Amino acid sequence: MKIPYYFPTYGKICTMIDWENLRYFAALAGKGTFLGAARSLGVEHATVSRRVALLEEQLQLRLVDRRGRRIELTPDGARIAAMASRMEEQVLAIGRAALPQDRLTGTVRISAPPALSSSLLPGPISELRRHHPDIEVTVVGEKRYASLDKREADIAVRLSRPDQGDLTMARIGSVTFNFYASPSYLAEVPEAEWSFISYGADMENSPQHLRLIQTAAGRRIGLKASTLELQRAAAQAGGGVAMLPDFFVNPSYGLVTALDDKEPIRRDIWLVVHSDIRSVPTIRTVMDAIRRGARQMARNDVSGDGWAGKSLVP
């Protein structure tokens, strides 16, 4: 509903800004494309376009230049986007302050790399739910880093230490990567003719991908796959040599280490939370469960119970 109010100085009627329109515009300014903004908001890209157009109509300002695939903010758009971003930060801070401080209840959203989340989280989260049924957990397996500042997640499990934001973090383990292939492939194909299975474009700057390219040394990259599941399956099928985290390869997959890497890639696992909510009882309880999961993985690794090699070091 539009509520008229008056500016005596200017002598004209204005309307209250629709905060939802402003939120959609802030997402567009942050992502740079209508599709990116739509994905972050969980809506259709046409909805973002409509909301931004409504905001432009309300403000009587042109905020974006729509002529390219990636939108460009006009000078007015950049000015409004900066103010909207500050407003969004305050709204999110209020939301964090409103989390229950005296009881174990509510929904906690965890962001983690897909393969790691499937190995690290099921056991401890299931146990957590048995003891605390009022805590609901949403696990989002994603390679991108969800923004804790913007409440895209409450807790994140990451393979690199964040260097931005008001975050509290703790190292809970490490993941070791090695080269794996099927025994038949290694027996049939000379090392000089190996074909490698690599990551897709979204992981080209990761340490494990850079090591693979270095080791391949000009040999063929026969397959690029964005998921570890597909890389592992391709290696099982004799498709080449893949670089996989040790926790992701147990004896049942029929893979063996292809190279004796004296200095394998090892990446630390970081448990991260926004500092504003680190002391909220529900958040702390879920974080403690994740830590227990990391310790359990480490024990499984040391005992050799189902793990190919040393994958987690507490």
C-alpha atoms as a PDB file:
ATOM      1  CA  MET A   1       0.000   0.000   0.000  1.00  0.00           C
ATOM      2  CA  LYS A   2       1.335   3.444  -0.895  1.00  0.00           C
ATOM      3  CA  ILE A   3       1.201   5.892   1.987  1.00  0.00           C
ATOM      4  CA  PRO A   4       1.410   9.570   0.981  1.00  0.00           C
ATOM      5  CA  TYR A   5       3.452  11.964   3.019  1.00  0.00           C
ATOM      6  CA  TYR A   6       4.537  15.553   2.530  1.00  0.00           C
ATOM      7  CA  PHE A   7       7.784  17.472   2.336  1.00  0.00           C
ATOM      8  CA  PRO A   8       6.753  21.023   3.333  1.00  0.00           C
ATOM      9  CA  THR A   9      10.021  22.382   1.933  1.00  0.00           C
ATOM     10  CA  TYR A  10       9.277  21.180  -1.567  1.00  0.00           C
ATOM     11  CA  GLY A  11       5.512  21.256  -1.443  1.00  0.00           C
ATOM     12  CA  LYS A  12       4.945  17.960  -3.266  1.00  0.00           C
ATOM     13  CA  ILE A  13       3.530  14.562  -2.427  1.00  0.00           C
ATOM     14  CA  CYS A  14       5.892  11.548  -2.360  1.00  0.00           C
ATOM     15  CA  THR A  15       5.290   7.858  -1.692  1.00  0.00           C
ATOM     16  CA  MET A  16       6.991   5.498   0.723  1.00  0.00           C
ATOM     17  CA  ILE A  17       9.636   3.330  -0.937  1.00  0.00           C
ATOM     18  CA  ASP A  18       8.755  -0.355  -1.209  1.00  0.00           C
ATOM     19  CA  TRP A  19      11.562  -2.014   0.769  1.00  0.00           C
ATOM     20  CA  GLU A  20      11.180  -5.245  -1.186  1.00  0.00           C
ATOM     21  CA  ASN A  21      11.954  -3.405  -4.414  1.00  0.00           C
ATOM     22  CA  LEU A  22      15.047  -1.937  -2.780  1.00  0.00           C
ATOM     23  CA  ARG A  23      16.148  -5.400  -1.598  1.00  0.00           C
ATOM     24  CA  TYR A  24      15.856  -6.793  -5.111  1.00  0.00           C
ATOM     25  CA  PHE A  25      17.851  -3.873  -6.489  1.00  0.00           C
ATOM     26  CA  ALA A  26      20.583  -4.418  -3.871  1.00  0.00           C
ATOM     27  CA  ALA A  27      20.834  -8.065  -4.947  1.00  0.00           C
ATOM     28  CA  LEU A  28      21.095  -7.018  -8.603  1.00  0.00           C
ATOM     29  CA  ALA A  29      23.799  -4.482  -7.803  1.00  0.00           C
ATOM     30  CA  GLY A  30      25.739  -7.103  -5.871  1.00  0.00           C
ATOM     31  CA  LYS A  31      25.489  -9.927  -8.428  1.00  0.00           C
ATOM     32  CA  GLY A  32      25.735  -7.863 -11.603  1.00  0.00           C
ATOM     33  CA  THR A  33      23.160  -9.872 -13.577  1.00  0.00           C
ATOM     34  CA  PHE A  34      19.430 -10.434 -13.305  1.00  0.00           C
ATOM     35  CA  LEU A  35      19.996 -14.190 -13.332  1.00  0.00           C
ATOM     36  CA  GLY A  36      22.580 -14.028 -10.549  1.00  0.00           C
ATOM     37  CA  ALA A  37      20.319 -11.842  -8.425  1.00  0.00           C
ATOM     38  CA  ALA A  38      17.372 -14.159  -9.066  1.00  0.00           C
ATOM     39  CA  ARG A  39      19.357 -17.203  -7.954  1.00  0.00           C
ATOM     40  CA  SER A  40      20.487 -15.496  -4.762  1.00  0.00           C
ATOM     41  CA  LEU A  41      16.898 -14.504  -3.955  1.00  0.00           C
ATOM     42  CA  GLY A  42      15.295 -17.764  -5.047  1.00  0.00           C
ATOM     43  CA  VAL A  43      12.996 -16.145  -7.625  1.00  0.00           C
ATOM     44  CA  GLU A  44      12.668 -15.867 -11.413  1.00  0.00           C
ATOM     45  CA  HIS A  45      14.867 -13.312 -13.148  1.00  0.00           C
ATOM     46  CA  ALA A  46      11.753 -11.631 -14.546  1.00  0.00           C
ATOM     47  CA  THR A  47      10.683 -10.901 -10.962  1.00  0.00           C
ATOM     48  CA  VAL A  48      13.947  -9.088 -10.286  1.00  0.00           C
ATOM     49  CA  SER A  49      13.561  -7.058 -13.473  1.00  0.00           C
ATOM     50  CA  ARG A  50       9.998  -6.118 -12.561  1.00  0.00           C
ATOM     51  CA  ARG A  51      10.922  -5.117  -9.012  1.00  0.00           C
ATOM     52  CA  VAL A  52      13.824  -2.939 -10.170  1.00  0.00           C
ATOM     53  CA  ALA A  53      11.596  -1.269 -12.759  1.00  0.00           C
ATOM     54  CA  LEU A  54       9.056  -0.503 -10.028  1.00  0.00           C
ATOM     55  CA  LEU A  55      11.805   1.029  -7.870  1.00  0.00           C
ATOM     56  CA  GLU A  56      12.934   3.189 -10.778  1.00  0.00           C
ATOM     57  CA  GLU A  57       9.344   4.322 -11.230  1.00  0.00           C
ATOM     58  CA  GLN A  58       9.007   5.128  -7.526  1.00  0.00           C
ATOM     59  CA  LEU A  59      12.234   7.102  -7.422  1.00  0.00           C
ATOM     60  CA  GLN A  60      11.836   8.627 -10.870  1.00  0.00           C
ATOM     61  CA  LEU A  61      15.465   7.681 -11.507  1.00  0.00           C
ATOM     62  CA  ARG A  62      17.161   5.428 -14.027  1.00  0.00           C
ATOM     63  CA  LEU A  63      19.206   3.009 -11.941  1.00  0.00           C
ATOM     64  CA  VAL A  64      20.548   0.437 -14.395  1.00  0.00           C
ATOM     65  CA  ASP A  65      21.680   0.267 -17.998  1.00  0.00           C
ATOM     66  CA  ARG A  66      20.100  -2.905 -19.424  1.00  0.00           C
ATOM     67  CA  ARG A  67      21.758  -2.907 -22.843  1.00  0.00           C
ATOM     68  CA  GLY A  68      24.343  -5.635 -22.140  1.00  0.00           C
ATOM     69  CA  ARG A  69      24.247  -9.157 -20.664  1.00  0.00           C
ATOM     70  CA  ARG A  70      25.813  -7.768 -17.505  1.00  0.00           C
ATOM     71  CA  ILE A  71      23.981  -4.737 -16.224  1.00  0.00           C
ATOM     72  CA  GLU A  72      25.766  -1.487 -15.484  1.00  0.00           C
ATOM     73  CA  LEU A  73      24.657   0.858 -12.739  1.00  0.00           C
ATOM     74  CA  THR A  74      24.032   4.453 -13.694  1.00  0.00           C
ATOM     75  CA  PRO A  75      25.596   7.112 -11.429  1.00  0.00           C
ATOM     76  CA  ASP A  76      22.246   7.384  -9.621  1.00  0.00           C
ATOM     77  CA  GLY A  77      22.099   3.595  -9.431  1.00  0.00           C
ATOM     78  CA  ALA A  78      25.548   3.363  -7.843  1.00  0.00           C
ATOM     79  CA  ARG A  79      24.589   5.998  -5.277  1.00  0.00           C
ATOM     80  CA  ILE A  80      21.334   4.232  -4.349  1.00  0.00           C
ATOM     81  CA  ALA A  81      23.045   0.821  -4.314  1.00  0.00           C
ATOM     82  CA  ALA A  82      25.600   2.021  -1.759  1.00  0.00           C
ATOM     83  CA  MET A  83      22.843   3.262   0.539  1.00  0.00           C
ATOM     84  CA  ALA A  84      20.804   0.085   0.017  1.00  0.00           C
ATOM     85  CA  SER A  85      23.814  -2.043   0.924  1.00  0.00           C
ATOM     86  CA  ARG A  86      24.264  -0.201   4.224  1.00  0.00           C
ATOM     87  CA  MET A  87      20.567  -0.580   4.976  1.00  0.00           C
ATOM     88  CA  GLU A  88      20.714  -4.305   4.195  1.00  0.00           C
ATOM     89  CA  GLU A  89      23.650  -4.751   6.560  1.00  0.00           C
ATOM     90  CA  GLN A  90      21.660  -3.147   9.377  1.00  0.00           C
ATOM     91  CA  VAL A  91      18.583  -5.270   8.684  1.00  0.00           C
ATOM     92  CA  LEU A  92      20.683  -8.446   8.729  1.00  0.00           C
ATOM     93  CA  ALA A  93      22.368  -7.346  11.965  1.00  0.00           C
ATOM     94  CA  ILE A  94      18.927  -6.924  13.538  1.00  0.00           C
ATOM     95  CA  GLY A  95      18.007 -10.410  12.341  1.00  0.00           C
ATOM     96  CA  ARG A  96      21.127 -11.873  13.944  1.00  0.00           C
ATOM     97  CA  ALA A  97      20.391 -10.040  17.189  1.00  0.00           C
ATOM     98  CA  ALA A  98      16.894 -11.527  17.237  1.00  0.00           C
ATOM     99  CA  LEU A  99      18.077 -15.164  17.291  1.00  0.00           C
ATOM    100  CA  PRO A 100      16.951 -17.043  20.450  1.00  0.00           C
ATOM    101  CA  GLN A 101      19.482 -16.556  23.244  1.00  0.00           C
ATOM    102  CA  ASP A 102      17.912 -18.753  25.904  1.00  0.00           C
ATOM    103  CA  ARG A 103      16.786 -21.988  24.242  1.00  0.00           C
ATOM    104  CA  LEU A 104      17.878 -24.566  21.685  1.00  0.00           C
ATOM    105  CA  THR A 105      15.440 -24.021  18.859  1.00  0.00           C
ATOM    106  CA  GLY A 106      15.244 -22.640  15.352  1.00  0.00           C
ATOM    107  CA  THR A 107      16.599 -23.379  11.872  1.00  0.00           C
ATOM    108  CA  VAL A 108      20.347 -23.362  11.192  1.00  0.00           C
ATOM    109  CA  ARG A 109      21.625 -23.224   7.612  1.00  0.00           C
ATOM    110  CA  ILE A 110      25.023 -24.807   6.897  1.00  0.00           C
ATOM    111  CA  SER A 111      27.006 -24.204   3.709  1.00  0.00           C
ATOM    112  CA  ALA A 112      29.718 -26.739   2.825  1.00  0.00           C
ATOM    113  CA  PRO A 113      31.430 -28.236  -0.250  1.00  0.00           C
ATOM    114  CA  PRO A 114      29.193 -31.065  -1.539  1.00  0.00           C
ATOM    115  CA  ALA A 115      31.560 -34.017  -1.153  1.00  0.00           C
ATOM    116  CA  LEU A 116      32.796 -32.883   2.244  1.00  0.00           C
ATOM    117  CA  SER A 117      29.284 -32.238   3.547  1.00  0.00           C
ATOM    118  CA  SER A 118      28.168 -35.752   2.595  1.00  0.00           C
ATOM    119  CA  SER A 119      31.071 -37.279   4.531  1.00  0.00           C
ATOM    120  CA  LEU A 120      31.320 -34.888   7.457  1.00  0.00           C
ATOM    121  CA  LEU A 121      27.763 -33.927   8.383  1.00  0.00           C
ATOM    122  CA  PRO A 122      25.214 -36.792   8.231  1.00  0.00           C
ATOM    123  CA  GLY A 123      26.320 -38.574  11.418  1.00  0.00           C
ATOM    124  CA  PRO A 124      26.716 -35.594  13.754  1.00  0.00           C
ATOM    125  CA  ILE A 125      23.620 -33.808  12.440  1.00  0.00           C
ATOM    126  CA  SER A 126      21.488 -36.940  12.876  1.00  0.00           C
ATOM    127  CA  GLU A 127      22.758 -37.321  16.427  1.00  0.00           C
ATOM    128  CA  LEU A 128      22.112 -33.637  17.083  1.00  0.00           C
ATOM    129  CA  ARG A 129      18.505 -33.975  15.929  1.00  0.00           C
ATOM    130  CA  ARG A 130      17.935 -36.937  18.237  1.00  0.00           C
ATOM    131  CA  HIS A 131      19.012 -34.911  21.266  1.00  0.00           C
ATOM    132  CA  HIS A 132      17.598 -31.541  20.152  1.00  0.00           C
ATOM    133  CA  PRO A 133      14.502 -32.136  17.988  1.00  0.00           C
ATOM    134  CA  ASP A 134      13.581 -28.417  18.052  1.00  0.00           C
ATOM    135  CA  ILE A 135      16.713 -27.569  16.062  1.00  0.00           C
ATOM    136  CA  GLU A 136      16.134 -27.842  12.328  1.00  0.00           C
ATOM    137  CA  VAL A 137      19.182 -28.030  10.071  1.00  0.00           C
ATOM    138  CA  THR A 138      19.423 -27.142   6.390  1.00  0.00           C
ATOM    139  CA  VAL A 139      22.618 -28.290   4.658  1.00  0.00           C
ATOM    140  CA  VAL A 140      23.482 -26.655   1.349  1.00  0.00           C
ATOM    141  CA  GLY A 141      26.213 -28.491  -0.520  1.00  0.00           C
ATOM    142  CA  GLU A 142      27.814 -25.833  -2.690  1.00  0.00           C
ATOM    143  CA  LYS A 143      31.276 -24.988  -3.970  1.00  0.00           C
ATOM    144  CA  ARG A 144      30.691 -21.269  -3.888  1.00  0.00           C
ATOM    145  CA  TYR A 145      31.209 -19.435  -0.618  1.00  0.00           C
ATOM    146  CA  ALA A 146      27.871 -18.387   0.842  1.00  0.00           C
ATOM    147  CA  SER A 147      27.910 -14.951   2.449  1.00  0.00           C
ATOM    148  CA  LEU A 148      27.574 -15.151   6.220  1.00  0.00           C
ATOM    149  CA  ASP A 149      27.268 -11.362   6.364  1.00  0.00           C
ATOM    150  CA  LYS A 150      24.125 -11.557   4.233  1.00  0.00           C
ATOM    151  CA  ARG A 151      22.662 -14.563   6.097  1.00  0.00           C
ATOM    152  CA  GLU A 152      22.946 -16.831   3.052  1.00  0.00           C
ATOM    153  CA  ALA A 153      24.104 -19.309   5.673  1.00  0.00           C
ATOM    154  CA  ASP A 154      24.553 -19.291   9.455  1.00  0.00           C
ATOM    155  CA  ILE A 155      27.560 -21.610   9.529  1.00  0.00           C
ATOM    156  CA  ALA A 156      30.039 -22.429   6.779  1.00  0.00           C
ATOM    157  CA  VAL A 157      32.548 -25.239   6.347  1.00  0.00           C
ATOM    158  CA  ARG A 158      35.298 -24.034   4.023  1.00  0.00           C
ATOM    159  CA  LEU A 159      38.550 -25.281   2.552  1.00  0.00           C
ATOM    160  CA  SER A 160      40.272 -21.925   2.781  1.00  0.00           C
ATOM    161  CA  ARG A 161      40.539 -19.399   5.585  1.00  0.00           C
ATOM    162  CA  PRO A 162      38.261 -16.397   4.996  1.00  0.00           C
ATOM    163  CA  ASP A 163      40.002 -13.040   5.017  1.00  0.00           C
ATOM    164  CA  GLN A 164      36.997 -10.712   4.873  1.00  0.00           C
ATOM    165  CA  GLY A 165      34.005 -10.025   7.067  1.00  0.00           C
ATOM    166  CA  ASP A 166      33.360  -9.983  10.813  1.00  0.00           C
ATOM    167  CA  LEU A 167      33.806 -13.722  11.161  1.00  0.00           C
ATOM    168  CA  THR A 168      34.887 -16.153  13.852  1.00  0.00           C
ATOM    169  CA  MET A 169      36.630 -19.275  12.574  1.00  0.00           C
ATOM    170  CA  ALA A 170      38.393 -22.389  13.782  1.00  0.00           C
ATOM    171  CA  ARG A 171      40.484 -24.991  11.993  1.00  0.00           C
ATOM    172  CA  ILE A 172      38.848 -28.379  12.590  1.00  0.00           C
ATOM    173  CA  GLY A 173      40.955 -30.598  10.356  1.00  0.00           C
ATOM    174  CA  SER A 174      42.549 -30.906   6.943  1.00  0.00           C
ATOM    175  CA  VAL A 175      41.903 -32.741   3.702  1.00  0.00           C
ATOM    176  CA  THR A 176      44.650 -34.459   1.722  1.00  0.00           C
ATOM    177  CA  PHE A 177      44.399 -34.920  -2.070  1.00  0.00           C
ATOM    178  CA  ASN A 178      46.113 -37.662  -4.055  1.00  0.00           C
ATOM    179  CA  PHE A 179      46.105 -38.998  -7.614  1.00  0.00           C
ATOM    180  CA  TYR A 180      43.837 -42.008  -8.135  1.00  0.00           C
ATOM    181  CA  ALA A 181      43.142 -44.390 -11.008  1.00  0.00           C
ATOM    182  CA  SER A 182      41.862 -47.920 -11.595  1.00  0.00           C
ATOM    183  CA  PRO A 183      44.510 -50.688 -11.413  1.00  0.00           C
ATOM    184  CA  SER A 184      43.602 -51.812 -14.946  1.00  0.00           C
ATOM    185  CA  TYR A 185      44.197 -48.319 -16.336  1.00  0.00           C
ATOM    186  CA  LEU A 186      47.619 -48.074 -14.702  1.00  0.00           C
ATOM    187  CA  ALA A 187      48.525 -51.551 -15.979  1.00  0.00           C
ATOM    188  CA  GLU A 188      47.458 -50.853 -19.568  1.00  0.00           C
ATOM    189  CA  VAL A 189      48.526 -47.226 -20.109  1.00  0.00           C
ATOM    190  CA  PRO A 190      52.172 -46.097 -19.827  1.00  0.00           C
ATOM    191  CA  GLU A 191      52.654 -43.152 -17.475  1.00  0.00           C
ATOM    192  CA  ALA A 192      53.864 -40.956 -20.327  1.00  0.00           C
ATOM    193  CA  GLU A 193      50.477 -41.483 -22.027  1.00  0.00           C
ATOM    194  CA  TRP A 194      48.206 -40.940 -19.063  1.00  0.00           C
ATOM    195  CA  SER A 195      45.071 -38.894 -19.547  1.00  0.00           C
ATOM    196  CA  PHE A 196      43.928 -36.778 -16.608  1.00  0.00           C
ATOM    197  CA  ILE A 197      40.521 -35.960 -15.181  1.00  0.00           C
ATOM    198  CA  SER A 198      40.356 -32.369 -13.992  1.00  0.00           C
ATOM    199  CA  TYR A 199      38.020 -29.860 -12.395  1.00  0.00           C
ATOM    200  CA  GLY A 200      35.795 -27.501 -14.345  1.00  0.00           C
ATOM    201  CA  ALA A 201      36.321 -23.793 -14.850  1.00  0.00           C
ATOM    202  CA  ASP A 202      34.865 -22.943 -11.432  1.00  0.00           C
ATOM    203  CA  MET A 203      37.788 -24.682  -9.687  1.00  0.00           C
ATOM    204  CA  GLU A 204      40.659 -23.721 -11.964  1.00  0.00           C
ATOM    205  CA  ASN A 205      42.376 -21.673  -9.252  1.00  0.00           C
ATOM    206  CA  SER A 206      42.127 -24.304  -6.515  1.00  0.00           C
ATOM    207  CA  PRO A 207      45.433 -25.735  -5.229  1.00  0.00           C
ATOM    208  CA  GLN A 208      44.476 -29.290  -6.192  1.00  0.00           C
ATOM    209  CA  HIS A 209      43.636 -28.310  -9.775  1.00  0.00           C
ATOM    210  CA  LEU A 210      46.874 -26.346 -10.154  1.00  0.00           C
ATOM    211  CA  ARG A 211      48.842 -29.359  -8.887  1.00  0.00           C
ATOM    212  CA  LEU A 212      47.063 -31.610 -11.400  1.00  0.00           C
ATOM    213  CA  ILE A 213      47.944 -29.292 -14.289  1.00  0.00           C
ATOM    214  CA  GLN A 214      51.541 -29.115 -13.082  1.00  0.00           C
ATOM    215  CA  THR A 215      51.783 -32.901 -12.816  1.00  0.00           C
ATOM    216  CA  ALA A 216      50.121 -33.503 -16.175  1.00  0.00           C
ATOM    217  CA  ALA A 217      52.935 -31.428 -17.705  1.00  0.00           C
ATOM    218  CA  GLY A 218      51.340 -31.195 -21.127  1.00  0.00           C
ATOM    219  CA  ARG A 219      49.692 -34.620 -21.130  1.00  0.00           C
ATOM    220  CA  ARG A 220      46.057 -34.755 -22.198  1.00  0.00           C
ATOM    221  CA  ILE A 221      43.215 -33.549 -19.995  1.00  0.00           C
ATOM    222  CA  GLY A 222      40.633 -35.980 -21.302  1.00  0.00           C
ATOM    223  CA  LEU A 223      37.723 -34.996 -19.072  1.00  0.00           C
ATOM    224  CA  LYS A 224      36.723 -31.930 -17.112  1.00  0.00           C
ATOM    225  CA  ALA A 225      34.031 -32.459 -14.499  1.00  0.00           C
ATOM    226  CA  SER A 226      32.574 -30.036 -11.985  1.00  0.00           C
ATOM    227  CA  THR A 227      31.675 -32.715  -9.419  1.00  0.00           C
ATOM    228  CA  LEU A 228      33.931 -35.082  -7.526  1.00  0.00           C
ATOM    229  CA  GLU A 229      31.340 -37.828  -7.954  1.00  0.00           C
ATOM    230  CA  LEU A 230      31.754 -37.753 -11.735  1.00  0.00           C
ATOM    231  CA  GLN A 231      35.536 -37.563 -11.498  1.00  0.00           C
ATOM    232  CA  ARG A 232      35.606 -40.597  -9.223  1.00  0.00           C
ATOM    233  CA  ALA A 233      33.209 -42.545 -11.466  1.00  0.00           C
ATOM    234  CA  ALA A 234      35.295 -41.714 -14.532  1.00  0.00           C
ATOM    235  CA  ALA A 235      38.453 -42.923 -12.818  1.00  0.00           C
ATOM    236  CA  GLN A 236      36.672 -46.135 -11.789  1.00  0.00           C
ATOM    237  CA  ALA A 237      35.643 -46.678 -15.417  1.00  0.00           C
ATOM    238  CA  GLY A 238      39.256 -46.423 -16.586  1.00  0.00           C
ATOM    239  CA  GLY A 239      38.906 -42.883 -17.900  1.00  0.00           C
ATOM    240  CA  GLY A 240      42.206 -41.627 -16.560  1.00  0.00           C
ATOM    241  CA  VAL A 241      43.895 -40.256 -13.456  1.00  0.00           C
ATOM    242  CA  ALA A 242      41.950 -38.001 -11.099  1.00  0.00           C
ATOM    243  CA  MET A 243      43.034 -35.947  -8.117  1.00  0.00           C
ATOM    244  CA  LEU A 244      40.605 -36.734  -5.318  1.00  0.00           C
ATOM    245  CA  PRO A 245      40.391 -36.067  -1.575  1.00  0.00           C
ATOM    246  CA  ASP A 246      41.371 -39.177   0.357  1.00  0.00           C
ATOM    247  CA  PHE A 247      38.167 -39.187   2.419  1.00  0.00           C
ATOM    248  CA  PHE A 248      36.224 -39.578  -0.834  1.00  0.00           C
ATOM    249  CA  VAL A 249      37.946 -42.814  -1.903  1.00  0.00           C
ATOM    250  CA  ASN A 250      37.510 -45.973   0.158  1.00  0.00           C
ATOM    251  CA  PRO A 251      38.560 -49.510  -0.855  1.00  0.00           C
ATOM    252  CA  SER A 252      35.123 -50.392  -2.229  1.00  0.00           C
ATOM    253  CA  TYR A 253      35.639 -48.054  -5.183  1.00  0.00           C
ATOM    254  CA  GLY A 254      38.512 -50.118  -6.549  1.00  0.00           C
ATOM    255  CA  LEU A 255      40.857 -47.166  -6.994  1.00  0.00           C
ATOM    256  CA  VAL A 256      44.530 -47.021  -6.078  1.00  0.00           C
ATOM    257  CA  THR A 257      46.991 -44.178  -5.752  1.00  0.00           C
ATOM    258  CA  ALA A 258      48.617 -43.513  -9.102  1.00  0.00           C
ATOM    259  CA  LEU A 259      51.618 -41.528  -7.891  1.00  0.00           C
ATOM    260  CA  ASP A 260      53.745 -41.505  -4.779  1.00  0.00           C
ATOM    261  CA  ASP A 261      53.379 -37.805  -4.072  1.00  0.00           C
ATOM    262  CA  LYS A 262      55.989 -36.818  -1.490  1.00  0.00           C
ATOM    263  CA  GLU A 263      54.260 -33.499  -0.788  1.00  0.00           C
ATOM    264  CA  PRO A 264      50.524 -34.039  -1.411  1.00  0.00           C
ATOM    265  CA  ILE A 265      48.120 -31.147  -1.458  1.00  0.00           C
ATOM    266  CA  ARG A 266      46.589 -30.629   1.961  1.00  0.00           C
ATOM    267  CA  ARG A 267      43.840 -28.095   2.581  1.00  0.00           C
ATOM    268  CA  ASP A 268      42.661 -27.003   5.992  1.00  0.00           C
ATOM    269  CA  ILE A 269      39.009 -27.301   6.939  1.00  0.00           C
ATOM    270  CA  TRP A 270      37.622 -24.164   8.557  1.00  0.00           C
ATOM    271  CA  LEU A 271      34.450 -23.866  10.593  1.00  0.00           C
ATOM    272  CA  VAL A 272      33.180 -20.314  10.160  1.00  0.00           C
ATOM    273  CA  VAL A 273      30.377 -18.273  11.734  1.00  0.00           C
ATOM    274  CA  HIS A 274      29.476 -14.586  11.839  1.00  0.00           C
ATOM    275  CA  SER A 275      30.819 -13.095  15.060  1.00  0.00           C
ATOM    276  CA  ASP A 276      27.406 -11.642  15.954  1.00  0.00           C
ATOM    277  CA  ILE A 277      25.906 -15.119  16.434  1.00  0.00           C
ATOM    278  CA  ARG A 278      28.861 -17.184  17.621  1.00  0.00           C
ATOM    279  CA  SER A 279      27.504 -17.257  21.203  1.00  0.00           C
ATOM    280  CA  VAL A 280      23.889 -18.083  20.319  1.00  0.00           C
ATOM    281  CA  PRO A 281      23.219 -21.440  22.052  1.00  0.00           C
ATOM    282  CA  THR A 282      21.618 -23.076  19.013  1.00  0.00           C
ATOM    283  CA  ILE A 283      24.490 -22.031  16.747  1.00  0.00           C
ATOM    284  CA  ARG A 284      27.102 -23.211  19.248  1.00  0.00           C
ATOM    285  CA  THR A 285      25.351 -26.569  19.598  1.00  0.00           C
ATOM    286  CA  VAL A 286      25.399 -27.148  15.845  1.00  0.00           C
ATOM    287  CA  MET A 287      29.039 -26.074  15.597  1.00  0.00           C
ATOM    288  CA  ASP A 288      29.963 -28.500  18.375  1.00  0.00           C
ATOM    289  CA  ALA A 289      28.256 -31.281  16.416  1.00  0.00           C
ATOM    290  CA  ILE A 290      30.303 -30.445  13.311  1.00  0.00           C
ATOM    291  CA  ARG A 291      33.498 -30.522  15.355  1.00  0.00           C
ATOM    292  CA  ARG A 292      32.553 -33.983  16.633  1.00  0.00           C
ATOM    293  CA  GLY A 293      32.046 -35.083  13.048  1.00  0.00           C
ATOM    294  CA  ALA A 294      35.544 -33.889  12.126  1.00  0.00           C
ATOM    295  CA  ARG A 295      37.040 -35.766  15.065  1.00  0.00           C
ATOM    296  CA  GLN A 296      35.171 -38.923  14.050  1.00  0.00           C
ATOM    297  CA  MET A 297      36.467 -38.661  10.494  1.00  0.00           C
ATOM    298  CA  ALA A 298      39.985 -38.284  11.865  1.00  0.00           C
ATOM    299  CA  ARG A 299      39.581 -41.396  14.021  1.00  0.00           C
ATOM    300  CA  ASN A 300      38.262 -43.368  11.051  1.00  0.00           C
ATOM    301  CA  ASP A 301      41.258 -42.248   9.041  1.00  0.00           C
ATOM    302  CA  VAL A 302      43.797 -43.306  11.661  1.00  0.00           C
ATOM    303  CA  SER A 303      42.098 -46.671  12.180  1.00  0.00           C
ATOM    304  CA  GLY A 304      41.850 -47.321   8.455  1.00  0.00           C
ATOM    305  CA  ASP A 305      38.124 -47.955   8.774  1.00  0.00           C
ATOM    306  CA  GLY A 306      36.907 -47.315   5.261  1.00  0.00           C
ATOM    307  CA  TRP A 307      39.337 -44.583   4.249  1.00  0.00           C
ATOM    308  CA  ALA A 308      41.932 -44.836   1.508  1.00  0.00           C
ATOM    309  CA  GLY A 309      44.546 -42.651   3.127  1.00  0.00           C
ATOM    310  CA  LYS A 310      45.126 -39.942   5.657  1.00  0.00           C
ATOM    311  CA  SER A 311      42.457 -37.378   5.021  1.00  0.00           C
ATOM    312  CA  LEU A 312      41.785 -35.487   8.205  1.00  0.00           C
ATOM    313  CA  VAL A 313      44.343 -34.299  10.707  1.00  0.00           C
ATOM    314  CA  PRO A 314      42.855 -32.636  13.822  1.00  0.00           C
END
